[in-house]
Amino acid sequence: MYAICRSGGHQLRAEPDQILNIEYRADAKPGDKLVLDDVLLVSKRGKVTVGTPTLDAKIHVTVVDHGRQPKVVVYHKKRRTEYHKMRGHKQRFTQVKVNKIEA
């Protein structure tokens, strides 16, 4: 059984006992339980149910930790003018464990 849900503009495939990285949630502490209710698709025993646009299903997750992704380097350069600028960015995420999919 798996489900596809939307979290923070991204679509994630969730299966029970799987660890996922979702968009950072500042209000969630490690050990808190969350419910992702923006479920787009559920597959159960080979039968696929697609929502229009969402289903009446929920994904119960537990917050494991918060973290930051590897640095993305942004480098701007204009030739022949000695202009260059280097910036970096590390995107934050919340790591969750899928407990169960309620469909």
PDB file of N, CA and C in Angstrom:
ATOM      1  N   MET A   1       0.849  -1.180   0.000  1.00  0.00           N
ATOM      2  CA  MET A   1       0.000   0.000   0.000  1.00  0.00           C
ATOM      3  C   MET A   1       0.888   1.234   0.000  1.00  0.00           C
ATOM      4  N   TYR A   2       0.524   2.202  -0.835  1.00  0.00           N
ATOM      5  CA  TYR A   2       1.224   3.478  -0.846  1.00  0.00           C
ATOM      6  C   TYR A   2       0.247   4.593  -1.180  1.00  0.00           C
ATOM      7  N   ALA A   3       0.672   5.807  -0.891  1.00  0.00           N
ATOM      8  CA  ALA A   3      -0.147   6.980  -1.178  1.00  0.00           C
ATOM      9  C   ALA A   3       0.759   8.093  -1.677  1.00  0.00           C
ATOM     10  N   ILE A   4       0.199   8.955  -2.493  1.00  0.00           N
ATOM     11  CA  ILE A   4       0.918  10.138  -2.958  1.00  0.00           C
ATOM     12  C   ILE A   4       0.214  11.345  -2.359  1.00  0.00           C
ATOM     13  N   CYS A   5       1.008  12.152  -1.631  1.00  0.00           N
ATOM     14  CA  CYS A   5       0.438  13.320  -0.973  1.00  0.00           C
ATOM     15  C   CYS A   5       1.214  14.561  -1.389  1.00  0.00           C
ATOM     16  N   ARG A   6       0.583  15.708  -1.128  1.00  0.00           N
ATOM     17  CA  ARG A   6       1.201  16.989  -1.465  1.00  0.00           C
ATOM     18  C   ARG A   6       1.584  17.677  -0.158  1.00  0.00           C
ATOM     19  N   SER A   7       2.835  18.126  -0.079  1.00  0.00           N
ATOM     20  CA  SER A   7       3.314  18.819   1.113  1.00  0.00           C
ATOM     21  C   SER A   7       4.271  19.914   0.686  1.00  0.00           C
ATOM     22  N   GLY A   8       3.879  21.156   0.913  1.00  0.00           N
ATOM     23  CA  GLY A   8       4.752  22.277   0.593  1.00  0.00           C
ATOM     24  C   GLY A   8       5.053  22.438  -0.877  1.00  0.00           C
ATOM     25  N   GLY A   9       4.106  22.093  -1.742  1.00  0.00           N
ATOM     26  CA  GLY A   9       4.327  22.242  -3.171  1.00  0.00           C
ATOM     27  C   GLY A   9       5.000  21.051  -3.828  1.00  0.00           C
ATOM     28  N   HIS A  10       5.403  20.049  -3.048  1.00  0.00           N
ATOM     29  CA  HIS A  10       6.017  18.846  -3.601  1.00  0.00           C
ATOM     30  C   HIS A  10       5.059  17.673  -3.449  1.00  0.00           C
ATOM     31  N   GLN A  11       5.174  16.723  -4.350  1.00  0.00           N
ATOM     32  CA  GLN A  11       4.386  15.499  -4.240  1.00  0.00           C
ATOM     33  C   GLN A  11       5.305  14.385  -3.763  1.00  0.00           C
ATOM     34  N   LEU A  12       4.866  13.662  -2.740  1.00  0.00           N
ATOM     35  CA  LEU A  12       5.682  12.630  -2.125  1.00  0.00           C
ATOM     36  C   LEU A  12       4.953  11.300  -2.142  1.00  0.00           C
ATOM     37  N   ARG A  13       5.707  10.238  -2.376  1.00  0.00           N
ATOM     38  CA  ARG A  13       5.148   8.890  -2.295  1.00  0.00           C
ATOM     39  C   ARG A  13       5.440   8.348  -0.902  1.00  0.00           C
ATOM     40  N   ALA A  14       4.400   7.957  -0.189  1.00  0.00           N
ATOM     41  CA  ALA A  14       4.539   7.505   1.192  1.00  0.00           C
ATOM     42  C   ALA A  14       4.081   6.068   1.330  1.00  0.00           C
ATOM     43  N   GLU A  15       4.894   5.270   2.019  1.00  0.00           N
ATOM     44  CA  GLU A  15       4.558   3.901   2.354  1.00  0.00           C
ATOM     45  C   GLU A  15       4.707   3.737   3.865  1.00  0.00           C
ATOM     46  N   PRO A  16       3.995   2.813   4.492  1.00  0.00           N
ATOM     47  CA  PRO A  16       4.134   2.631   5.940  1.00  0.00           C
ATOM     48  C   PRO A  16       5.576   2.305   6.334  1.00  0.00           C
ATOM     49  N   ASP A  17       6.017   2.845   7.473  1.00  0.00           N
ATOM     50  CA  ASP A  17       7.360   2.658   8.038  1.00  0.00           C
ATOM     51  C   ASP A  17       8.466   3.257   7.172  1.00  0.00           C
ATOM     52  N   GLN A  18       8.133   4.221   6.346  1.00  0.00           N
ATOM     53  CA  GLN A  18       9.122   4.886   5.494  1.00  0.00           C
ATOM     54  C   GLN A  18       9.486   6.243   6.108  1.00  0.00           C
ATOM     55  N   ILE A  19      10.739   6.662   5.903  1.00  0.00           N
ATOM     56  CA  ILE A  19      11.199   7.964   6.375  1.00  0.00           C
ATOM     57  C   ILE A  19      11.166   8.925   5.188  1.00  0.00           C
ATOM     58  N   LEU A  20      10.510  10.085   5.369  1.00  0.00           N
ATOM     59  CA  LEU A  20      10.384  11.085   4.301  1.00  0.00           C
ATOM     60  C   LEU A  20      10.933  12.430   4.761  1.00  0.00           C
ATOM     61  N   ASN A  21      11.410  13.217   3.819  1.00  0.00           N
ATOM     62  CA  ASN A  21      11.794  14.597   4.078  1.00  0.00           C
ATOM     63  C   ASN A  21      10.721  15.492   3.474  1.00  0.00           C
ATOM     64  N   ILE A  22       9.997  16.222   4.333  1.00  0.00           N
ATOM     65  CA  ILE A  22       8.962  17.134   3.867  1.00  0.00           C
ATOM     66  C   ILE A  22       9.437  18.561   4.088  1.00  0.00           C
ATOM     67  N   GLU A  23       8.649  19.518   3.613  1.00  0.00           N
ATOM     68  CA  GLU A  23       8.982  20.927   3.826  1.00  0.00           C
ATOM     69  C   GLU A  23       9.098  21.213   5.316  1.00  0.00           C
ATOM     70  N   TYR A  24       9.976  22.137   5.652  1.00  0.00           N
ATOM     71  CA  TYR A  24      10.257  22.463   7.052  1.00  0.00           C
ATOM     72  C   TYR A  24       9.011  22.987   7.756  1.00  0.00           C
ATOM     73  N   ARG A  25       8.737  22.439   8.923  1.00  0.00           N
ATOM     74  CA  ARG A  25       7.634  22.903   9.766  1.00  0.00           C
ATOM     75  C   ARG A  25       8.216  23.340  11.099  1.00  0.00           C
ATOM     76  N   ALA A  26       8.198  24.639  11.344  1.00  0.00           N
ATOM     77  CA  ALA A  26       8.803  25.191  12.553  1.00  0.00           C
ATOM     78  C   ALA A  26       8.022  24.821  13.801  1.00  0.00           C
ATOM     79  N   ASP A  27       6.719  24.589  13.674  1.00  0.00           N
ATOM     80  CA  ASP A  27       5.894  24.300  14.841  1.00  0.00           C
ATOM     81  C   ASP A  27       5.995  22.844  15.296  1.00  0.00           C
ATOM     82  N   ALA A  28       6.593  21.974  14.500  1.00  0.00           N
ATOM     83  CA  ALA A  28       6.677  20.550  14.825  1.00  0.00           C
ATOM     84  C   ALA A  28       7.990  20.247  15.550  1.00  0.00           C
ATOM     85  N   LYS A  29       7.889  19.585  16.676  1.00  0.00           N
ATOM     86  CA  LYS A  29       9.053  19.160  17.459  1.00  0.00           C
ATOM     87  C   LYS A  29       9.255  17.662  17.254  1.00  0.00           C
ATOM     88  N   PRO A  30      10.492  17.168  17.406  1.00  0.00           N
ATOM     89  CA  PRO A  30      10.714  15.722  17.288  1.00  0.00           C
ATOM     90  C   PRO A  30       9.837  14.951  18.278  1.00  0.00           C
ATOM     91  N   GLY A  31       9.153  13.946  17.762  1.00  0.00           N
ATOM     92  CA  GLY A  31       8.230  13.153  18.567  1.00  0.00           C
ATOM     93  C   GLY A  31       6.776  13.533  18.371  1.00  0.00           C
ATOM     94  N   ASP A  32       6.513  14.715  17.793  1.00  0.00           N
ATOM     95  CA  ASP A  32       5.132  15.135  17.544  1.00  0.00           C
ATOM     96  C   ASP A  32       4.508  14.284  16.438  1.00  0.00           C
ATOM     97  N   LYS A  33       3.202  14.136  16.526  1.00  0.00           N
ATOM     98  CA  LYS A  33       2.462  13.404  15.497  1.00  0.00           C
ATOM     99  C   LYS A  33       1.732  14.409  14.617  1.00  0.00           C
ATOM    100  N   LEU A  34       1.839  14.225  13.306  1.00  0.00           N
ATOM    101  CA  LEU A  34       1.193  15.094  12.332  1.00  0.00           C
ATOM    102  C   LEU A  34       0.288  14.257  11.444  1.00  0.00           C
ATOM    103  N   VAL A  35      -0.644  14.926  10.785  1.00  0.00           N
ATOM    104  CA  VAL A  35      -1.523  14.273   9.824  1.00  0.00           C
ATOM    105  C   VAL A  35      -1.415  15.029   8.510  1.00  0.00           C
ATOM    106  N   LEU A  36      -1.035  14.319   7.450  1.00  0.00           N
ATOM    107  CA  LEU A  36      -1.004  14.890   6.105  1.00  0.00           C
ATOM    108  C   LEU A  36      -2.308  14.492   5.435  1.00  0.00           C
ATOM    109  N   ASP A  37      -3.168  15.483   5.160  1.00  0.00           N
ATOM    110  CA  ASP A  37      -4.493  15.150   4.634  1.00  0.00           C
ATOM    111  C   ASP A  37      -4.699  15.592   3.195  1.00  0.00           C
ATOM    112  N   ASP A  38      -3.660  16.064   2.538  1.00  0.00           N
ATOM    113  CA  ASP A  38      -3.758  16.465   1.141  1.00  0.00           C
ATOM    114  C   ASP A  38      -3.294  15.293   0.264  1.00  0.00           C
ATOM    115  N   VAL A  39      -4.084  14.214   0.258  1.00  0.00           N
ATOM    116  CA  VAL A  39      -3.725  12.972  -0.424  1.00  0.00           C
ATOM    117  C   VAL A  39      -4.311  12.979  -1.837  1.00  0.00           C
ATOM    118  N   LEU A  40      -3.467  12.714  -2.819  1.00  0.00           N
ATOM    119  CA  LEU A  40      -3.877  12.757  -4.222  1.00  0.00           C
ATOM    120  C   LEU A  40      -4.209  11.381  -4.794  1.00  0.00           C
ATOM    121  N   LEU A  41      -3.528  10.332  -4.301  1.00  0.00           N
ATOM    122  CA  LEU A  41      -3.691   8.997  -4.867  1.00  0.00           C
ATOM    123  C   LEU A  41      -3.426   7.966  -3.785  1.00  0.00           C
ATOM    124  N   VAL A  42      -4.182   6.868  -3.811  1.00  0.00           N
ATOM    125  CA  VAL A  42      -3.958   5.753  -2.891  1.00  0.00           C
ATOM    126  C   VAL A  42      -3.986   4.466  -3.697  1.00  0.00           C
ATOM    127  N   SER A  43      -2.993   3.614  -3.474  1.00  0.00           N
ATOM    128  CA  SER A  43      -2.952   2.301  -4.095  1.00  0.00           C
ATOM    129  C   SER A  43      -3.007   1.259  -2.989  1.00  0.00           C
ATOM    130  N   LYS A  44      -4.043   0.436  -3.026  1.00  0.00           N
ATOM    131  CA  LYS A  44      -4.253  -0.566  -1.983  1.00  0.00           C
ATOM    132  C   LYS A  44      -4.543  -1.908  -2.641  1.00  0.00           C
ATOM    133  N   ARG A  45      -3.659  -2.884  -2.416  1.00  0.00           N
ATOM    134  CA  ARG A  45      -3.779  -4.221  -3.001  1.00  0.00           C
ATOM    135  C   ARG A  45      -3.951  -4.185  -4.517  1.00  0.00           C
ATOM    136  N   GLY A  46      -3.203  -3.331  -5.183  1.00  0.00           N
ATOM    137  CA  GLY A  46      -3.246  -3.249  -6.640  1.00  0.00           C
ATOM    138  C   GLY A  46      -4.357  -2.374  -7.190  1.00  0.00           C
ATOM    139  N   LYS A  47      -5.259  -1.911  -6.353  1.00  0.00           N
ATOM    140  CA  LYS A  47      -6.349  -1.048  -6.803  1.00  0.00           C
ATOM    141  C   LYS A  47      -5.956   0.409  -6.558  1.00  0.00           C
ATOM    142  N   VAL A  48      -5.952   1.202  -7.607  1.00  0.00           N
ATOM    143  CA  VAL A  48      -5.522   2.597  -7.534  1.00  0.00           C
ATOM    144  C   VAL A  48      -6.744   3.499  -7.518  1.00  0.00           C
ATOM    145  N   THR A  49      -6.789   4.413  -6.546  1.00  0.00           N
ATOM    146  CA  THR A  49      -7.853   5.400  -6.448  1.00  0.00           C
ATOM    147  C   THR A  49      -7.232   6.780  -6.580  1.00  0.00           C
ATOM    148  N   VAL A  50      -7.735   7.543  -7.543  1.00  0.00           N
ATOM    149  CA  VAL A  50      -7.206   8.877  -7.804  1.00  0.00           C
ATOM    150  C   VAL A  50      -8.254   9.904  -7.410  1.00  0.00           C
ATOM    151  N   GLY A  51      -7.832  10.950  -6.732  1.00  0.00           N
ATOM    152  CA  GLY A  51      -8.747  11.991  -6.295  1.00  0.00           C
ATOM    153  C   GLY A  51      -8.977  13.050  -7.345  1.00  0.00           C
ATOM    154  N   THR A  52     -10.052  13.798  -7.183  1.00  0.00           N
ATOM    155  CA  THR A  52     -10.350  14.896  -8.097  1.00  0.00           C
ATOM    156  C   THR A  52     -10.622  16.161  -7.315  1.00  0.00           C
ATOM    157  N   PRO A  53      -9.733  16.929  -6.840  1.00  0.00           N
ATOM    158  CA  PRO A  53      -8.279  16.768  -6.896  1.00  0.00           C
ATOM    159  C   PRO A  53      -7.702  15.972  -5.727  1.00  0.00           C
ATOM    160  N   THR A  54      -8.422  15.847  -4.592  1.00  0.00           N
ATOM    161  CA  THR A  54      -7.877  15.087  -3.464  1.00  0.00           C
ATOM    162  C   THR A  54      -8.863  14.024  -2.998  1.00  0.00           C
ATOM    163  N   LEU A  55      -8.346  13.123  -2.161  1.00  0.00           N
ATOM    164  CA  LEU A  55      -9.166  12.057  -1.592  1.00  0.00           C
ATOM    165  C   LEU A  55      -9.454  12.346  -0.128  1.00  0.00           C
ATOM    166  N   ASP A  56     -10.411  11.629   0.421  1.00  0.00           N
ATOM    167  CA  ASP A  56     -10.713  11.728   1.842  1.00  0.00           C
ATOM    168  C   ASP A  56      -9.879  10.678   2.580  1.00  0.00           C
ATOM    169  N   ALA A  57      -8.562  10.849   2.529  1.00  0.00           N
ATOM    170  CA  ALA A  57      -7.626   9.931   3.173  1.00  0.00           C
ATOM    171  C   ALA A  57      -6.633  10.749   3.983  1.00  0.00           C
ATOM    172  N   LYS A  58      -5.956  10.069   4.920  1.00  0.00           N
ATOM    173  CA  LYS A  58      -4.999  10.756   5.782  1.00  0.00           C
ATOM    174  C   LYS A  58      -3.748   9.895   5.913  1.00  0.00           C
ATOM    175  N   ILE A  59      -2.614  10.565   6.067  1.00  0.00           N
ATOM    176  CA  ILE A  59      -1.353   9.889   6.321  1.00  0.00           C
ATOM    177  C   ILE A  59      -0.881  10.355   7.695  1.00  0.00           C
ATOM    178  N   HIS A  60      -0.751   9.414   8.625  1.00  0.00           N
ATOM    179  CA  HIS A  60      -0.319   9.733   9.979  1.00  0.00           C
ATOM    180  C   HIS A  60       1.200   9.564  10.053  1.00  0.00           C
ATOM    181  N   VAL A  61       1.890  10.623  10.468  1.00  0.00           N
ATOM    182  CA  VAL A  61       3.350  10.611  10.523  1.00  0.00           C
ATOM    183  C   VAL A  61       3.821  11.094  11.896  1.00  0.00           C
ATOM    184  N   THR A  62       5.060  10.728  12.235  1.00  0.00           N
ATOM    185  CA  THR A  62       5.715  11.181  13.454  1.00  0.00           C
ATOM    186  C   THR A  62       6.987  11.918  13.065  1.00  0.00           C
ATOM    187  N   VAL A  63       7.202  13.088  13.663  1.00  0.00           N
ATOM    188  CA  VAL A  63       8.390  13.886  13.356  1.00  0.00           C
ATOM    189  C   VAL A  63       9.605  13.208  13.983  1.00  0.00           C
ATOM    190  N   VAL A  64      10.641  12.980  13.161  1.00  0.00           N
ATOM    191  CA  VAL A  64      11.876  12.358  13.629  1.00  0.00           C
ATOM    192  C   VAL A  64      12.919  13.423  13.952  1.00  0.00           C
ATOM    193  N   ASP A  65      13.147  14.350  13.012  1.00  0.00           N
ATOM    194  CA  ASP A  65      14.208  15.335  13.187  1.00  0.00           C
ATOM    195  C   ASP A  65      14.024  16.460  12.181  1.00  0.00           C
ATOM    196  N   HIS A  66      14.801  17.522  12.357  1.00  0.00           N
ATOM    197  CA  HIS A  66      14.899  18.609  11.384  1.00  0.00           C
ATOM    198  C   HIS A  66      16.317  18.608  10.830  1.00  0.00           C
ATOM    199  N   GLY A  67      16.466  19.073   9.600  1.00  0.00           N
ATOM    200  CA  GLY A  67      17.798  19.095   9.013  1.00  0.00           C
ATOM    201  C   GLY A  67      17.893  20.100   7.886  1.00  0.00           C
ATOM    202  N   ARG A  68      19.066  20.120   7.254  1.00  0.00           N
ATOM    203  CA  ARG A  68      19.312  20.999   6.114  1.00  0.00           C
ATOM    204  C   ARG A  68      19.923  20.186   4.989  1.00  0.00           C
ATOM    205  N   GLN A  69      19.493  20.474   3.774  1.00  0.00           N
ATOM    206  CA  GLN A  69      20.006  19.771   2.611  1.00  0.00           C
ATOM    207  C   GLN A  69      21.394  20.291   2.270  1.00  0.00           C
ATOM    208  N   PRO A  70      22.116  19.587   1.383  1.00  0.00           N
ATOM    209  CA  PRO A  70      23.439  20.073   0.985  1.00  0.00           C
ATOM    210  C   PRO A  70      23.357  21.455   0.337  1.00  0.00           C
ATOM    211  N   LYS A  71      24.436  22.189   0.430  1.00  0.00           N
ATOM    212  CA  LYS A  71      24.471  23.561  -0.068  1.00  0.00           C
ATOM    213  C   LYS A  71      24.390  23.597  -1.593  1.00  0.00           C
ATOM    214  N   VAL A  72      23.582  24.516  -2.082  1.00  0.00           N
ATOM    215  CA  VAL A  72      23.484  24.797  -3.507  1.00  0.00           C
ATOM    216  C   VAL A  72      24.225  26.112  -3.735  1.00  0.00           C
ATOM    217  N   VAL A  73      25.233  26.092  -4.608  1.00  0.00           N
ATOM    218  CA  VAL A  73      26.034  27.286  -4.863  1.00  0.00           C
ATOM    219  C   VAL A  73      25.454  28.024  -6.061  1.00  0.00           C
ATOM    220  N   VAL A  74      25.214  29.320  -5.879  1.00  0.00           N
ATOM    221  CA  VAL A  74      24.713  30.174  -6.953  1.00  0.00           C
ATOM    222  C   VAL A  74      25.825  31.156  -7.297  1.00  0.00           C
ATOM    223  N   TYR A  75      26.293  31.128  -8.523  1.00  0.00           N
ATOM    224  CA  TYR A  75      27.418  31.964  -8.925  1.00  0.00           C
ATOM    225  C   TYR A  75      27.014  32.806 -10.132  1.00  0.00           C
ATOM    226  N   HIS A  76      27.118  34.127 -10.003  1.00  0.00           N
ATOM    227  CA  HIS A  76      26.821  35.055 -11.092  1.00  0.00           C
ATOM    228  C   HIS A  76      28.130  35.666 -11.572  1.00  0.00           C
ATOM    229  N   LYS A  77      28.291  35.774 -12.893  1.00  0.00           N
ATOM    230  CA  LYS A  77      29.500  36.369 -13.450  1.00  0.00           C
ATOM    231  C   LYS A  77      29.143  37.095 -14.733  1.00  0.00           C
ATOM    232  N   LYS A  78      29.721  38.271 -14.897  1.00  0.00           N
ATOM    233  CA  LYS A  78      29.602  38.999 -16.159  1.00  0.00           C
ATOM    234  C   LYS A  78      30.990  39.136 -16.743  1.00  0.00           C
ATOM    235  N   ARG A  79      31.133  38.736 -17.958  1.00  0.00           N
ATOM    236  CA  ARG A  79      32.463  38.716 -18.540  1.00  0.00           C
ATOM    237  C   ARG A  79      32.978  40.124 -18.839  1.00  0.00           C
ATOM    238  N   ARG A  80      34.253  40.253 -18.776  1.00  0.00           N
ATOM    239  CA  ARG A  80      35.014  41.463 -19.113  1.00  0.00           C
ATOM    240  C   ARG A  80      34.735  42.644 -18.195  1.00  0.00           C
ATOM    241  N   THR A  81      34.015  42.466 -17.112  1.00  0.00           N
ATOM    242  CA  THR A  81      33.738  43.589 -16.220  1.00  0.00           C
ATOM    243  C   THR A  81      34.235  43.341 -14.802  1.00  0.00           C
ATOM    244  N   GLU A  82      34.886  42.224 -14.579  1.00  0.00           N
ATOM    245  CA  GLU A  82      35.373  41.820 -13.265  1.00  0.00           C
ATOM    246  C   GLU A  82      34.239  41.759 -12.235  1.00  0.00           C
ATOM    247  N   TYR A  83      33.035  41.441 -12.688  1.00  0.00           N
ATOM    248  CA  TYR A  83      31.895  41.316 -11.791  1.00  0.00           C
ATOM    249  C   TYR A  83      31.622  39.841 -11.548  1.00  0.00           C
ATOM    250  N   HIS A  84      31.600  39.461 -10.299  1.00  0.00           N
ATOM    251  CA  HIS A  84      31.159  38.116  -9.946  1.00  0.00           C
ATOM    252  C   HIS A  84      30.616  38.132  -8.529  1.00  0.00           C
ATOM    253  N   LYS A  85      29.669  37.257  -8.279  1.00  0.00           N
ATOM    254  CA  LYS A  85      29.016  37.177  -6.986  1.00  0.00           C
ATOM    255  C   LYS A  85      28.730  35.708  -6.695  1.00  0.00           C
ATOM    256  N   MET A  86      29.049  35.272  -5.496  1.00  0.00           N
ATOM    257  CA  MET A  86      28.838  33.872  -5.130  1.00  0.00           C
ATOM    258  C   MET A  86      27.961  33.824  -3.880  1.00  0.00           C
ATOM    259  N   ARG A  87      26.886  33.086  -3.975  1.00  0.00           N
ATOM    260  CA  ARG A  87      25.959  32.922  -2.859  1.00  0.00           C
ATOM    261  C   ARG A  87      25.706  31.430  -2.653  1.00  0.00           C
ATOM    262  N   GLY A  88      25.269  31.088  -1.476  1.00  0.00           N
ATOM    263  CA  GLY A  88      24.933  29.703  -1.178  1.00  0.00           C
ATOM    264  C   GLY A  88      23.588  29.630  -0.473  1.00  0.00           C
ATOM    265  N   HIS A  89      22.974  28.459  -0.522  1.00  0.00           N
ATOM    266  CA  HIS A  89      21.671  28.267   0.113  1.00  0.00           C
ATOM    267  C   HIS A  89      21.561  26.823   0.573  1.00  0.00           C
ATOM    268  N   LYS A  90      21.067  26.646   1.806  1.00  0.00           N
ATOM    269  CA  LYS A  90      20.773  25.317   2.327  1.00  0.00           C
ATOM    270  C   LYS A  90      19.298  25.278   2.702  1.00  0.00           C
ATOM    271  N   GLN A  91      18.536  24.442   2.038  1.00  0.00           N
ATOM    272  CA  GLN A  91      17.098  24.342   2.281  1.00  0.00           C
ATOM    273  C   GLN A  91      16.848  23.492   3.525  1.00  0.00           C
ATOM    274  N   ARG A  92      15.978  23.964   4.403  1.00  0.00           N
ATOM    275  CA  ARG A  92      15.634  23.223   5.611  1.00  0.00           C
ATOM    276  C   ARG A  92      14.531  22.213   5.311  1.00  0.00           C
ATOM    277  N   PHE A  93      14.505  21.108   6.070  1.00  0.00           N
ATOM    278  CA  PHE A  93      13.460  20.108   5.905  1.00  0.00           C
ATOM    279  C   PHE A  93      13.121  19.498   7.261  1.00  0.00           C
ATOM    280  N   THR A  94      11.968  18.854   7.309  1.00  0.00           N
ATOM    281  CA  THR A  94      11.537  18.104   8.481  1.00  0.00           C
ATOM    282  C   THR A  94      11.480  16.639   8.086  1.00  0.00           C
ATOM    283  N   GLN A  95      12.146  15.792   8.861  1.00  0.00           N
ATOM    284  CA  GLN A  95      12.174  14.369   8.573  1.00  0.00           C
ATOM    285  C   GLN A  95      11.075  13.689   9.374  1.00  0.00           C
ATOM    286  N   VAL A  96      10.217  12.936   8.682  1.00  0.00           N
ATOM    287  CA  VAL A  96       9.087  12.274   9.334  1.00  0.00           C
ATOM    288  C   VAL A  96       9.082  10.789   8.998  1.00  0.00           C
ATOM    289  N   LYS A  97       8.460  10.015   9.888  1.00  0.00           N
ATOM    290  CA  LYS A  97       8.270   8.576   9.668  1.00  0.00           C
ATOM    291  C   LYS A  97       6.789   8.316   9.494  1.00  0.00           C
ATOM    292  N   VAL A  98       6.437   7.602   8.429  1.00  0.00           N
ATOM    293  CA  VAL A  98       5.032   7.298   8.137  1.00  0.00           C
ATOM    294  C   VAL A  98       4.586   6.163   9.041  1.00  0.00           C
ATOM    295  N   ASN A  99       3.552   6.416   9.852  1.00  0.00           N
ATOM    296  CA  ASN A  99       3.018   5.391  10.747  1.00  0.00           C
ATOM    297  C   ASN A  99       1.978   4.525  10.047  1.00  0.00           C
ATOM    298  N   LYS A 100       0.952   5.196   9.480  1.00  0.00           N
ATOM    299  CA  LYS A 100      -0.078   4.447   8.779  1.00  0.00           C
ATOM    300  C   LYS A 100      -0.758   5.336   7.761  1.00  0.00           C
ATOM    301  N   ILE A 101      -1.371   4.689   6.797  1.00  0.00           N
ATOM    302  CA  ILE A 101      -2.137   5.374   5.758  1.00  0.00           C
ATOM    303  C   ILE A 101      -3.594   4.975   5.963  1.00  0.00           C
ATOM    304  N   GLU A 102      -4.410   5.958   6.215  1.00  0.00           N
ATOM    305  CA  GLU A 102      -5.830   5.729   6.487  1.00  0.00           C
ATOM    306  C   GLU A 102      -6.623   6.119   5.250  1.00  0.00           C
ATOM    307  N   ALA A 103      -7.151   5.114   4.551  1.00  0.00           N
ATOM    308  CA  ALA A 103      -7.880   5.398   3.315  1.00  0.00           C
ATOM    309  C   ALA A 103      -9.280   4.815   3.364  1.00  0.00           C
TER     310      ALA A 103
END
